PDB file of N, CA and C in Angstrom:
ATOM      1  N   UNK A   1       9.395 -18.009  -1.171  1.00  0.00           N
ATOM      2  CA  UNK A   1      10.732 -17.906  -1.723  1.00  0.00           C
ATOM      3  C   UNK A   1      11.576 -17.072  -0.769  1.00  0.00           C
ATOM      4  N   UNK A   2      12.739 -17.542  -0.477  1.00  0.00           N
ATOM      5  CA  UNK A   2      13.627 -16.829   0.443  1.00  0.00           C
ATOM      6  C   UNK A   2      14.201 -15.586  -0.237  1.00  0.00           C
ATOM      7  N   UNK A   3      14.751 -14.695   0.569  1.00  0.00           N
ATOM      8  CA  UNK A   3      15.353 -13.475   0.033  1.00  0.00           C
ATOM      9  C   UNK A   3      16.507 -13.817  -0.904  1.00  0.00           C
ATOM     10  N   UNK A   4      17.284 -14.813  -0.528  1.00  0.00           N
ATOM     11  CA  UNK A   4      18.419 -15.224  -1.354  1.00  0.00           C
ATOM     12  C   UNK A   4      17.949 -15.774  -2.701  1.00  0.00           C
ATOM     13  N   UNK A   5      16.919 -16.611  -2.671  1.00  0.00           N
ATOM     14  CA  UNK A   5      16.385 -17.183  -3.910  1.00  0.00           C
ATOM     15  C   UNK A   5      15.765 -16.096  -4.778  1.00  0.00           C
ATOM     16  N   UNK A   6      15.078 -15.158  -4.152  1.00  0.00           N
ATOM     17  CA  UNK A   6      14.482 -14.044  -4.891  1.00  0.00           C
ATOM     18  C   UNK A   6      15.564 -13.228  -5.580  1.00  0.00           C
ATOM     19  N   UNK A   7      16.636 -12.939  -4.868  1.00  0.00           N
ATOM     20  CA  UNK A   7      17.741 -12.168  -5.437  1.00  0.00           C
ATOM     21  C   UNK A   7      18.372 -12.909  -6.611  1.00  0.00           C
ATOM     22  N   UNK A   8      18.514 -14.219  -6.488  1.00  0.00           N
ATOM     23  CA  UNK A   8      19.115 -15.003  -7.570  1.00  0.00           C
ATOM     24  C   UNK A   8      18.253 -14.959  -8.826  1.00  0.00           C
ATOM     25  N   UNK A   9      16.941 -15.119  -8.656  1.00  0.00           N
ATOM     26  CA  UNK A   9      16.027 -15.069  -9.801  1.00  0.00           C
ATOM     27  C   UNK A   9      16.037 -13.674 -10.415  1.00  0.00           C
ATOM     28  N   UNK A  10      16.013 -12.670  -9.558  1.00  0.00           N
ATOM     29  CA  UNK A  10      16.031 -11.286 -10.030  1.00  0.00           C
ATOM     30  C   UNK A  10      17.285 -11.001 -10.855  1.00  0.00           C
ATOM     31  N   UNK A  11      18.431 -11.398 -10.343  1.00  0.00           N
ATOM     32  CA  UNK A  11      19.687 -11.156 -11.058  1.00  0.00           C
ATOM     33  C   UNK A  11      19.748 -11.922 -12.378  1.00  0.00           C
ATOM     34  N   UNK A  12      19.247 -13.142 -12.370  1.00  0.00           N
ATOM     35  CA  UNK A  12      19.239 -13.943 -13.596  1.00  0.00           C
ATOM     36  C   UNK A  12      18.395 -13.252 -14.663  1.00  0.00           C
ATOM     37  N   UNK A  13      17.190 -12.845 -14.286  1.00  0.00           N
ATOM     38  CA  UNK A  13      16.305 -12.173 -15.238  1.00  0.00           C
ATOM     39  C   UNK A  13      16.836 -10.793 -15.617  1.00  0.00           C
ATOM     40  N   UNK A  14      17.412 -10.104 -14.656  1.00  0.00           N
ATOM     41  CA  UNK A  14      17.976  -8.776 -14.900  1.00  0.00           C
ATOM     42  C   UNK A  14      19.051  -8.837 -15.982  1.00  0.00           C
ATOM     43  N   UNK A  15      19.889  -9.859 -15.922  1.00  0.00           N
ATOM     44  CA  UNK A  15      20.971 -10.015 -16.897  1.00  0.00           C
ATOM     45  C   UNK A  15      20.448 -10.242 -18.316  1.00  0.00           C
ATOM     46  N   UNK A  16      19.210 -10.703 -18.445  1.00  0.00           N
ATOM     47  CA  UNK A  16      18.628 -10.947 -19.765  1.00  0.00           C
ATOM     48  C   UNK A  16      18.088  -9.671 -20.409  1.00  0.00           C
ATOM     49  N   UNK A  17      17.926  -8.632 -19.611  1.00  0.00           N
ATOM     50  CA  UNK A  17      17.347  -7.384 -20.112  1.00  0.00           C
ATOM     51  C   UNK A  17      18.374  -6.554 -20.868  1.00  0.00           C
ATOM     52  N   UNK A  18      17.900  -5.804 -21.877  1.00  0.00           N
ATOM     53  CA  UNK A  18      18.806  -4.852 -22.524  1.00  0.00           C
ATOM     54  C   UNK A  18      19.148  -3.724 -21.545  1.00  0.00           C
ATOM     55  N   UNK A  19      20.212  -3.013 -21.830  1.00  0.00           N
ATOM     56  CA  UNK A  19      20.719  -1.988 -20.917  1.00  0.00           C
ATOM     57  C   UNK A  19      19.665  -0.945 -20.551  1.00  0.00           C
ATOM     58  N   UNK A  20      18.858  -0.493 -21.507  1.00  0.00           N
ATOM     59  CA  UNK A  20      17.856   0.533 -21.195  1.00  0.00           C
ATOM     60  C   UNK A  20      16.822   0.016 -20.192  1.00  0.00           C
ATOM     61  N   UNK A  21      16.457  -1.255 -20.302  1.00  0.00           N
ATOM     62  CA  UNK A  21      15.512  -1.845 -19.346  1.00  0.00           C
ATOM     63  C   UNK A  21      16.171  -2.053 -17.985  1.00  0.00           C
ATOM     64  N   UNK A  22      17.447  -2.391 -17.983  1.00  0.00           N
ATOM     65  CA  UNK A  22      18.168  -2.535 -16.715  1.00  0.00           C
ATOM     66  C   UNK A  22      18.172  -1.208 -15.967  1.00  0.00           C
ATOM     67  N   UNK A  23      18.362  -0.120 -16.700  1.00  0.00           N
ATOM     68  CA  UNK A  23      18.337   1.205 -16.065  1.00  0.00           C
ATOM     69  C   UNK A  23      16.956   1.501 -15.481  1.00  0.00           C
ATOM     70  N   UNK A  24      15.904   1.109 -16.214  1.00  0.00           N
ATOM     71  CA  UNK A  24      14.543   1.314 -15.711  1.00  0.00           C
ATOM     72  C   UNK A  24      14.328   0.547 -14.412  1.00  0.00           C
ATOM     73  N   UNK A  25      14.781  -0.702 -14.386  1.00  0.00           N
ATOM     74  CA  UNK A  25      14.657  -1.518 -13.175  1.00  0.00           C
ATOM     75  C   UNK A  25      15.422  -0.872 -12.031  1.00  0.00           C
ATOM     76  N   UNK A  26      16.620  -0.415 -12.298  1.00  0.00           N
ATOM     77  CA  UNK A  26      17.439   0.219 -11.270  1.00  0.00           C
ATOM     78  C   UNK A  26      16.753   1.465 -10.711  1.00  0.00           C
ATOM     79  N   UNK A  27      16.205   2.300 -11.590  1.00  0.00           N
ATOM     80  CA  UNK A  27      15.502   3.502 -11.137  1.00  0.00           C
ATOM     81  C   UNK A  27      14.299   3.135 -10.267  1.00  0.00           C
ATOM     82  N   UNK A  28      13.568   2.100 -10.677  1.00  0.00           N
ATOM     83  CA  UNK A  28      12.393   1.684  -9.914  1.00  0.00           C
ATOM     84  C   UNK A  28      12.787   1.146  -8.543  1.00  0.00           C
ATOM     85  N   UNK A  29      13.844   0.350  -8.500  1.00  0.00           N
ATOM     86  CA  UNK A  29      14.317  -0.189  -7.223  1.00  0.00           C
ATOM     87  C   UNK A  29      14.759   0.943  -6.304  1.00  0.00           C
ATOM     88  N   UNK A  30      15.467   1.924  -6.852  1.00  0.00           N
ATOM     89  CA  UNK A  30      15.880   3.079  -6.042  1.00  0.00           C
ATOM     90  C   UNK A  30      14.659   3.833  -5.519  1.00  0.00           C
ATOM     91  N   UNK A  31      13.648   3.993  -6.373  1.00  0.00           N
ATOM     92  CA  UNK A  31      12.415   4.661  -5.952  1.00  0.00           C
ATOM     93  C   UNK A  31      11.776   3.914  -4.787  1.00  0.00           C
ATOM     94  N   UNK A  32      11.626   2.600  -4.930  1.00  0.00           N
ATOM     95  CA  UNK A  32      11.004   1.802  -3.867  1.00  0.00           C
ATOM     96  C   UNK A  32      11.819   1.841  -2.582  1.00  0.00           C
ATOM     97  N   UNK A  33      13.124   1.771  -2.707  1.00  0.00           N
ATOM     98  CA  UNK A  33      13.991   1.742  -1.527  1.00  0.00           C
ATOM     99  C   UNK A  33      13.961   3.060  -0.770  1.00  0.00           C
ATOM    100  N   UNK A  34      13.742   4.153  -1.471  1.00  0.00           N
ATOM    101  CA  UNK A  34      13.784   5.466  -0.836  1.00  0.00           C
ATOM    102  C   UNK A  34      12.410   6.052  -0.552  1.00  0.00           C
ATOM    103  N   UNK A  35      11.352   5.363  -0.974  1.00  0.00           N
ATOM    104  CA  UNK A  35      10.005   5.904  -0.804  1.00  0.00           C
ATOM    105  C   UNK A  35       9.598   5.940   0.664  1.00  0.00           C
ATOM    106  N   UNK A  36       9.990   4.933   1.419  1.00  0.00           N
ATOM    107  CA  UNK A  36       9.617   4.897   2.829  1.00  0.00           C
ATOM    108  C   UNK A  36       8.112   4.796   3.001  1.00  0.00           C
ATOM    109  N   UNK A  37       7.674   5.084   4.184  1.00  0.00           N
ATOM    110  CA  UNK A  37       6.258   5.064   4.506  1.00  0.00           C
ATOM    111  C   UNK A  37       5.710   6.474   4.356  1.00  0.00           C
ATOM    112  N   UNK A  38       4.575   6.616   3.683  1.00  0.00           N
ATOM    113  CA  UNK A  38       4.027   7.961   3.548  1.00  0.00           C
ATOM    114  C   UNK A  38       3.666   8.529   4.914  1.00  0.00           C
ATOM    115  N   UNK A  39       3.805   9.839   5.073  1.00  0.00           N
ATOM    116  CA  UNK A  39       3.498  10.436   6.371  1.00  0.00           C
ATOM    117  C   UNK A  39       2.015  10.292   6.690  1.00  0.00           C
ATOM    118  N   UNK A  40       1.724  10.111   7.933  1.00  0.00           N
ATOM    119  CA  UNK A  40       0.343   9.994   8.383  1.00  0.00           C
ATOM    120  C   UNK A  40       0.054  11.024   9.445  1.00  0.00           C
ATOM    121  N   UNK A  41      -1.050  10.845  10.116  1.00  0.00           N
ATOM    122  CA  UNK A  41      -1.435  11.745  11.192  1.00  0.00           C
ATOM    123  C   UNK A  41      -1.068  11.098  12.514  1.00  0.00           C
ATOM    124  N   UNK A  42      -0.280  11.771  13.335  1.00  0.00           N
ATOM    125  CA  UNK A  42       0.055  11.206  14.643  1.00  0.00           C
ATOM    126  C   UNK A  42      -1.215  10.979  15.470  1.00  0.00           C
ATOM    127  N   UNK A  43      -1.216   9.900  16.222  1.00  0.00           N
ATOM    128  CA  UNK A  43      -2.374   9.565  17.042  1.00  0.00           C
ATOM    129  C   UNK A  43      -2.787  10.670  17.989  1.00  0.00           C
ATOM    130  N   UNK A  44      -1.814  11.407  18.534  1.00  0.00           N
ATOM    131  CA  UNK A  44      -2.154  12.468  19.486  1.00  0.00           C
ATOM    132  C   UNK A  44      -3.003  13.555  18.830  1.00  0.00           C
ATOM    133  N   UNK A  45      -2.894  13.711  17.506  1.00  0.00           N
ATOM    134  CA  UNK A  45      -3.717  14.697  16.806  1.00  0.00           C
ATOM    135  C   UNK A  45      -5.155  14.227  16.622  1.00  0.00           C
ATOM    136  N   UNK A  46      -5.391  12.942  16.820  1.00  0.00           N
ATOM    137  CA  UNK A  46      -6.732  12.387  16.646  1.00  0.00           C
ATOM    138  C   UNK A  46      -7.500  12.274  17.959  1.00  0.00           C
ATOM    139  N   UNK A  47      -6.833  12.553  19.067  1.00  0.00           N
ATOM    140  CA  UNK A  47      -7.476  12.406  20.375  1.00  0.00           C
ATOM    141  C   UNK A  47      -8.712  13.283  20.530  1.00  0.00           C
ATOM    142  N   UNK A  48      -8.772  14.384  19.816  1.00  0.00           N
ATOM    143  CA  UNK A  48      -9.937  15.273  19.941  1.00  0.00           C
ATOM    144  C   UNK A  48     -11.221  14.613  19.440  1.00  0.00           C
ATOM    145  N   UNK A  49     -11.095  13.515  18.697  1.00  0.00           N
ATOM    146  CA  UNK A  49     -12.270  12.826  18.178  1.00  0.00           C
ATOM    147  C   UNK A  49     -12.788  11.733  19.111  1.00  0.00           C
ATOM    148  N   UNK A  50     -12.077  11.479  20.194  1.00  0.00           N
ATOM    149  CA  UNK A  50     -12.506  10.454  21.143  1.00  0.00           C
ATOM    150  C   UNK A  50     -13.863  10.846  21.717  1.00  0.00           C
ATOM    151  N   UNK A  51     -14.816   9.923  21.647  1.00  0.00           N
ATOM    152  CA  UNK A  51     -16.133  10.165  22.218  1.00  0.00           C
ATOM    153  C   UNK A  51     -17.095  10.897  21.310  1.00  0.00           C
ATOM    154  N   UNK A  52     -16.688  11.254  20.105  1.00  0.00           N
ATOM    155  CA  UNK A  52     -17.589  11.955  19.185  1.00  0.00           C
ATOM    156  C   UNK A  52     -18.761  11.050  18.819  1.00  0.00           C
ATOM    157  N   UNK A  53     -18.481   9.775  18.602  1.00  0.00           N
ATOM    158  CA  UNK A  53     -19.529   8.802  18.299  1.00  0.00           C
ATOM    159  C   UNK A  53     -19.730   7.900  19.507  1.00  0.00           C
ATOM    160  N   UNK A  54     -20.997   7.600  19.784  1.00  0.00           N
ATOM    161  CA  UNK A  54     -21.220   6.601  20.825  1.00  0.00           C
ATOM    162  C   UNK A  54     -21.068   5.218  20.184  1.00  0.00           C
ATOM    163  N   UNK A  55     -21.174   4.172  20.985  1.00  0.00           N
ATOM    164  CA  UNK A  55     -20.919   2.824  20.488  1.00  0.00           C
ATOM    165  C   UNK A  55     -21.862   2.441  19.356  1.00  0.00           C
ATOM    166  N   UNK A  56     -23.125   2.791  19.477  1.00  0.00           N
ATOM    167  CA  UNK A  56     -24.110   2.445  18.447  1.00  0.00           C
ATOM    168  C   UNK A  56     -23.810   3.182  17.132  1.00  0.00           C
ATOM    169  N   UNK A  57     -23.464   4.459  17.218  1.00  0.00           N
ATOM    170  CA  UNK A  57     -23.131   5.230  16.019  1.00  0.00           C
ATOM    171  C   UNK A  57     -21.867   4.688  15.351  1.00  0.00           C
ATOM    172  N   UNK A  58     -20.878   4.346  16.158  1.00  0.00           N
ATOM    173  CA  UNK A  58     -19.634   3.797  15.619  1.00  0.00           C
ATOM    174  C   UNK A  58     -19.887   2.467  14.919  1.00  0.00           C
ATOM    175  N   UNK A  59     -20.724   1.626  15.513  1.00  0.00           N
ATOM    176  CA  UNK A  59     -21.052   0.334  14.906  1.00  0.00           C
ATOM    177  C   UNK A  59     -21.792   0.546  13.582  1.00  0.00           C
ATOM    178  N   UNK A  60     -22.748   1.481  13.565  1.00  0.00           N
ATOM    179  CA  UNK A  60     -23.502   1.762  12.344  1.00  0.00           C
ATOM    180  C   UNK A  60     -22.572   2.273  11.239  1.00  0.00           C
ATOM    181  N   UNK A  61     -21.641   3.139  11.605  1.00  0.00           N
ATOM    182  CA  UNK A  61     -20.702   3.660  10.613  1.00  0.00           C
ATOM    183  C   UNK A  61     -19.802   2.550  10.088  1.00  0.00           C
ATOM    184  N   UNK A  62     -19.319   1.719  10.971  1.00  0.00           N
ATOM    185  CA  UNK A  62     -18.454   0.615  10.576  1.00  0.00           C
ATOM    186  C   UNK A  62     -19.188  -0.342   9.638  1.00  0.00           C
ATOM    187  N   UNK A  63     -20.446  -0.629   9.939  1.00  0.00           N
ATOM    188  CA  UNK A  63     -21.246  -1.508   9.085  1.00  0.00           C
ATOM    189  C   UNK A  63     -21.505  -0.864   7.727  1.00  0.00           C
ATOM    190  N   UNK A  64     -21.754   0.443   7.704  1.00  0.00           N
ATOM    191  CA  UNK A  64     -21.977   1.150   6.436  1.00  0.00           C
ATOM    192  C   UNK A  64     -20.726   1.115   5.571  1.00  0.00           C
ATOM    193  N   UNK A  65     -19.580   1.299   6.181  1.00  0.00           N
ATOM    194  CA  UNK A  65     -18.318   1.239   5.432  1.00  0.00           C
ATOM    195  C   UNK A  65     -18.125  -0.159   4.860  1.00  0.00           C
ATOM    196  N   UNK A  66     -18.351  -1.178   5.673  1.00  0.00           N
ATOM    197  CA  UNK A  66     -18.191  -2.558   5.209  1.00  0.00           C
ATOM    198  C   UNK A  66     -19.171  -2.864   4.075  1.00  0.00           C
ATOM    199  N   UNK A  67     -20.374  -2.361   4.200  1.00  0.00           N
ATOM    200  CA  UNK A  67     -21.421  -2.641   3.215  1.00  0.00           C
ATOM    201  C   UNK A  67     -21.190  -1.869   1.910  1.00  0.00           C
ATOM    202  N   UNK A  68     -20.823  -0.609   1.998  1.00  0.00           N
ATOM    203  CA  UNK A  68     -20.774   0.257   0.824  1.00  0.00           C
ATOM    204  C   UNK A  68     -19.385   0.463   0.229  1.00  0.00           C
ATOM    205  N   UNK A  69     -18.353   0.362   1.030  1.00  0.00           N
ATOM    206  CA  UNK A  69     -17.016   0.729   0.551  1.00  0.00           C
ATOM    207  C   UNK A  69     -16.128  -0.457   0.236  1.00  0.00           C
ATOM    208  N   UNK A  70     -16.468  -1.623   0.684  1.00  0.00           N
ATOM    209  CA  UNK A  70     -15.591  -2.773   0.493  1.00  0.00           C
ATOM    210  C   UNK A  70     -16.082  -3.678  -0.628  1.00  0.00           C
ATOM    211  N   UNK A  71     -16.583  -3.054  -1.687  1.00  0.00           N
ATOM    212  CA  UNK A  71     -17.020  -3.833  -2.835  1.00  0.00           C
ATOM    213  C   UNK A  71     -16.724  -3.039  -4.097  1.00  0.00           C
ATOM    214  N   UNK A  72     -16.717  -3.723  -5.214  1.00  0.00           N
ATOM    215  CA  UNK A  72     -16.436  -3.099  -6.494  1.00  0.00           C
ATOM    216  C   UNK A  72     -17.677  -3.197  -7.359  1.00  0.00           C
ATOM    217  N   UNK A  73     -18.111  -2.058  -7.879  1.00  0.00           N
ATOM    218  CA  UNK A  73     -19.240  -2.023  -8.798  1.00  0.00           C
ATOM    219  C   UNK A  73     -18.670  -1.978 -10.206  1.00  0.00           C
ATOM    220  N   UNK A  74     -18.621  -3.127 -10.885  1.00  0.00           N
ATOM    221  CA  UNK A  74     -17.977  -3.207 -12.197  1.00  0.00           C
ATOM    222  C   UNK A  74     -18.724  -2.423 -13.263  1.00  0.00           C
ATOM    223  N   UNK A  75     -19.992  -2.137 -13.062  1.00  0.00           N
ATOM    224  CA  UNK A  75     -20.744  -1.368 -14.057  1.00  0.00           C
ATOM    225  C   UNK A  75     -20.582   0.135 -13.853  1.00  0.00           C
ATOM    226  N   UNK A  76     -19.902   0.527 -12.783  1.00  0.00           N
ATOM    227  CA  UNK A  76     -19.728   1.945 -12.483  1.00  0.00           C
ATOM    228  C   UNK A  76     -18.830   2.626 -13.499  1.00  0.00           C
ATOM    229  N   UNK A  77     -17.879   1.921 -14.044  1.00  0.00           N
ATOM    230  CA  UNK A  77     -16.938   2.517 -14.986  1.00  0.00           C
ATOM    231  C   UNK A  77     -17.536   2.451 -16.348  1.00  0.00           C
TER     232      UNK A  77
END
């Protein structure tokens, strides 16, 4: 959907909302527009970690992350 089409659908649906809900939508849009990107760590601050792991250790860590962290255990909750 193009930006123009999205805006048209949004405005159409927005007009159907009661005033209190319109205000909620407006507040949320303002929040999203002003949130920006969360601050991160500049790359130059990470340079001290270069060479800490050799290639084999880095591969093992990457595989462990893929194996253990990229799945959901539905019985955990």
